[in-house]
Each structure stands twice: as structure tokens, then as C-alpha cells.
Amino acid sequence: MTSEARNGDICELMNDVLKSIILLNKEIESHFGMSSARILTLLAFTEKKIMRMNELSEAMSLTTSTSTRMIDSLVEEGFVERGHDKFDRRLVTVGLTVKGKKVAKDIKSFRDRYFDSIKDKVKDNGKEEMIMSLKALVDAFGNFKSQL
């Protein structure tokens, strides 16, 4: 197989993966009745329970004003609550409410079941290769993003 043909195959496979992820996101959106942006915002709290608004904006790769609008609607619906940094009261912190934690947990479980079904289809001896390939893909996307 020529290098050009292999590159074409890689592009086609990446498109297929992207389409599958888009369809998964649509399925999650439909199931939970929320936009992807709102879902990703809730999931951003899985690693860090309370964040300053600027930390959330960075984690989401959004401007602070966009994050603030997103948080405003999530606060109104009872998924997120605002507070103040205990060392600097001028800084606004945000975290999930009990309701928000439950929905975030449910979304994560839904997504994990989907990914577990994919992992189950990969033979044990191919899982390490899959992990390394996915890490390389994530790195490549990160490098591309930094070049924009």
C-alpha cells in the first residue's frame, strides 16, 4: 500500500470515528435533553469538584463570558451553584449541586457503557495498541489546535 493510500485510509477512518462520536453526542443530548455544551460543562466537574470561573473557562476552551452564560442557565435549572473563593471573595467559584452531580454521574455512566461496549470488541492483545494509538491521536489534535 502506498503512503498516499494509507493517508487516505487514515483520513477516512478518522472521519468515521468523528461521525460515530457525533452520533453518540446526539444520542446523549436526546437522552438527557441537553446540548453537548451543557453536558460537557457538567462533566468538567468530574475531576475537580469546585472551580473558579476562569478555571472552568480554560477547561472548556471557552471565553469567560461564554462560560458565564452557560453557568447562568445551569444555575437557574439547579444543576450548578455559585460561591466565592475562600481566600479571595472577589473570585467566583462554581460547583455542582446534588441534582447536577446526579445528572453528571448518569451521563458519565451512559457514556462509559458505550465505550465499554467498544473496548469489549477489541481483543485483549489489541487494547494496548488501541490505547497508544488513541493517545497519539489526542496529541496530534492538541498539536494541531496549538497551530491555529
Protein backbone atom coordinates (compact mmCIF):
# COMPACT_ATOMS: atom_id res chain seq x y z
CA MET A 1 0.00 0.00 0.00
CA THR A 2 1.38 3.40 -0.92
CA SER A 3 1.87 6.17 1.61
CA GLU A 4 -0.80 8.24 -0.16
CA ALA A 5 -3.33 5.39 0.01
CA ARG A 6 -2.51 4.79 3.68
CA ASN A 7 -3.04 8.52 4.43
CA GLY A 8 -6.39 8.32 2.63
CA ASP A 9 -7.36 5.31 4.74
CA ILE A 10 -6.38 7.14 7.92
CA CYS A 11 -8.45 10.20 6.94
CA GLU A 12 -11.43 8.01 6.12
CA LEU A 13 -11.17 6.14 9.41
CA MET A 14 -10.81 9.39 11.36
CA ASN A 15 -13.94 10.70 9.64
CA ASP A 16 -15.77 7.51 10.63
CA VAL A 17 -14.64 7.89 14.25
CA LEU A 18 -15.71 11.54 14.25
CA LYS A 19 -19.13 10.66 12.83
CA SER A 20 -19.56 7.96 15.48
CA ILE A 21 -18.69 10.42 18.25
CA ILE A 22 -21.11 13.00 16.83
CA LEU A 23 -23.85 10.35 16.76
CA LEU A 24 -23.03 9.36 20.35
CA ASN A 25 -23.23 13.01 21.41
CA LYS A 26 -26.61 13.36 19.68
CA GLU A 27 -27.81 10.22 21.46
CA ILE A 28 -26.68 11.63 24.82
CA GLU A 29 -28.26 15.02 24.03
CA SER A 30 -31.52 13.33 23.15
CA HIS A 31 -31.48 11.02 26.16
CA PHE A 32 -30.76 13.80 28.67
CA GLY A 33 -32.49 16.68 26.85
CA MET A 34 -29.40 18.88 26.97
CA SER A 35 -26.98 20.38 24.49
CA SER A 36 -23.45 18.99 24.19
CA ALA A 37 -22.04 22.21 25.61
CA ARG A 38 -24.15 21.87 28.75
CA ILE A 39 -23.28 18.18 29.07
CA LEU A 40 -19.55 18.88 28.70
CA THR A 41 -19.84 21.64 31.29
CA LEU A 42 -21.38 19.24 33.82
CA LEU A 43 -18.75 16.61 33.02
CA ALA A 44 -15.96 19.17 33.54
CA PHE A 45 -16.64 18.85 37.27
CA THR A 46 -15.82 15.14 37.44
CA GLU A 47 -12.14 15.78 38.10
CA LYS A 48 -12.41 18.95 40.15
CA LYS A 49 -15.48 19.43 42.33
CA ILE A 50 -15.28 23.22 42.64
CA MET A 51 -13.64 25.55 40.14
CA ARG A 52 -13.12 29.23 39.69
CA MET A 53 -14.88 30.58 36.62
CA ASN A 54 -11.57 31.19 34.84
CA GLU A 55 -10.53 27.55 35.50
CA LEU A 56 -13.80 26.31 34.05
CA SER A 57 -13.38 28.56 31.00
CA GLU A 58 -9.88 27.18 30.43
CA ALA A 59 -11.02 23.57 30.92
CA MET A 60 -13.81 24.11 28.39
CA SER A 61 -11.68 26.21 25.99
CA LEU A 62 -14.33 28.94 26.16
CA THR A 63 -14.22 32.64 26.87
CA THR A 64 -15.21 33.62 30.39
CA SER A 65 -18.31 35.42 29.09
CA THR A 66 -19.48 32.29 27.24
CA SER A 67 -18.85 30.14 30.32
CA THR A 68 -20.71 32.64 32.48
CA ARG A 69 -23.79 32.47 30.23
CA MET A 70 -23.66 28.67 30.31
CA ILE A 71 -23.33 28.65 34.10
CA ASP A 72 -26.17 31.18 34.44
CA SER A 73 -28.60 28.78 32.78
CA LEU A 74 -27.29 25.77 34.72
CA VAL A 75 -27.69 27.73 37.99
CA GLU A 76 -31.27 28.65 37.04
CA GLU A 77 -32.07 24.98 36.47
CA GLY A 78 -30.49 23.90 39.74
CA PHE A 79 -27.54 21.93 38.32
CA VAL A 80 -24.78 24.32 39.44
CA GLU A 81 -24.28 26.70 42.33
CA ARG A 82 -22.03 29.71 42.65
CA GLY A 83 -19.86 30.61 45.59
CA HIS A 84 -16.78 32.64 46.39
CA ASP A 85 -13.17 31.61 46.78
CA LYS A 86 -12.39 31.27 50.50
CA PHE A 87 -9.09 33.14 50.09
CA ASP A 88 -10.28 35.87 47.72
CA ARG A 89 -14.00 36.67 47.90
CA ARG A 90 -13.79 38.59 44.61
CA LEU A 91 -13.30 35.30 42.76
CA VAL A 92 -16.44 33.38 41.83
CA THR A 93 -16.41 29.62 42.21
CA VAL A 94 -18.85 27.14 40.73
CA GLY A 95 -19.71 23.57 41.60
CA LEU A 96 -22.42 21.01 41.00
CA THR A 97 -25.49 20.78 43.19
CA VAL A 98 -26.81 17.39 44.31
CA LYS A 99 -29.06 17.45 41.22
CA GLY A 100 -26.10 18.35 38.98
CA LYS A 101 -23.93 15.59 40.47
CA LYS A 102 -26.63 13.01 39.79
CA VAL A 103 -27.09 14.08 36.17
CA ALA A 104 -23.31 14.25 35.59
CA LYS A 105 -22.96 10.75 37.08
CA ASP A 106 -25.79 9.45 34.88
CA ILE A 107 -24.24 11.00 31.75
CA LYS A 108 -20.83 9.55 32.60
CA SER A 109 -22.36 6.10 33.18
CA PHE A 110 -24.24 6.28 29.87
CA ARG A 111 -21.06 7.24 28.02
CA ASP A 112 -18.94 4.66 29.88
CA ARG A 113 -21.33 1.86 28.91
CA TYR A 114 -20.96 2.89 25.27
CA PHE A 115 -17.15 2.95 25.45
CA ASP A 116 -17.07 -0.32 27.40
CA SER A 117 -19.01 -1.98 24.59
CA ILE A 118 -16.36 -0.74 22.16
CA LYS A 119 -13.47 -1.94 24.35
CA ASP A 120 -15.15 -5.35 24.68
CA LYS A 121 -14.93 -5.78 20.91
CA VAL A 122 -11.16 -5.27 20.91
CA LYS A 123 -9.14 -8.38 21.63
CA ASP A 124 -7.01 -8.21 24.78
CA ASN A 125 -3.78 -8.15 22.81
CA GLY A 126 -5.03 -5.15 20.80
CA LYS A 127 -6.06 -2.98 23.76
CA GLU A 128 -2.55 -1.65 24.45
CA GLU A 129 -2.15 -0.76 20.80
CA MET A 130 -5.54 0.94 20.84
CA ILE A 131 -4.56 2.99 23.90
CA MET A 132 -1.28 4.07 22.31
CA SER A 133 -3.00 4.96 19.04
CA LEU A 134 -5.70 6.99 20.81
CA LYS A 135 -3.05 8.84 22.84
CA ALA A 136 -1.18 9.66 19.64
CA LEU A 137 -4.41 10.88 18.06
CA VAL A 138 -5.21 13.11 21.05
CA ASP A 139 -1.66 14.51 20.96
CA ALA A 140 -1.97 15.17 17.22
CA PHE A 141 -5.23 17.06 17.77
CA GLY A 142 -3.58 19.05 20.58
CA ASN A 143 -0.65 19.95 18.35
CA PHE A 144 -2.98 20.98 15.53
CA LYS A 145 -5.03 23.15 17.91
CA SER A 146 -1.89 24.97 19.10
CA GLN A 147 -1.00 25.78 15.48
CA LEU A 148 -4.30 27.56 14.79
